[in-house]
Amino acid sequence: MAGANQRIDWPGLMRAGLHGLGLEPRDFWALTPIELMIMMGREGADPGFSRASLDALMTRFPDKVNQTTCGGTDDST
């Protein structure tokens, strides 16, 4: 929700959740950041790490099986 150089505006988020959305404190603190953003009408906010991002990462850096780290023998024969 906040980048490396950004701070989370807790007072602003609490005002939005408790006063704007009418949430009880326990309900506010039980929400994830994305749930709060959706409730505030920010569905287009940063989606985070998507399946497409994971697929691209897996394609770029595929797993390589090393026989010495996996037991060193092929038991299929």
Foldseek 3Di string as FASTA:
>chain_A
DDDPPDDDPVVVLCCCVCPVVVDDPVVSVVDDVQVSCVSVVNPVPDPPQDPVNVVVVCVVPPDDDDLVVVVNDDPPD
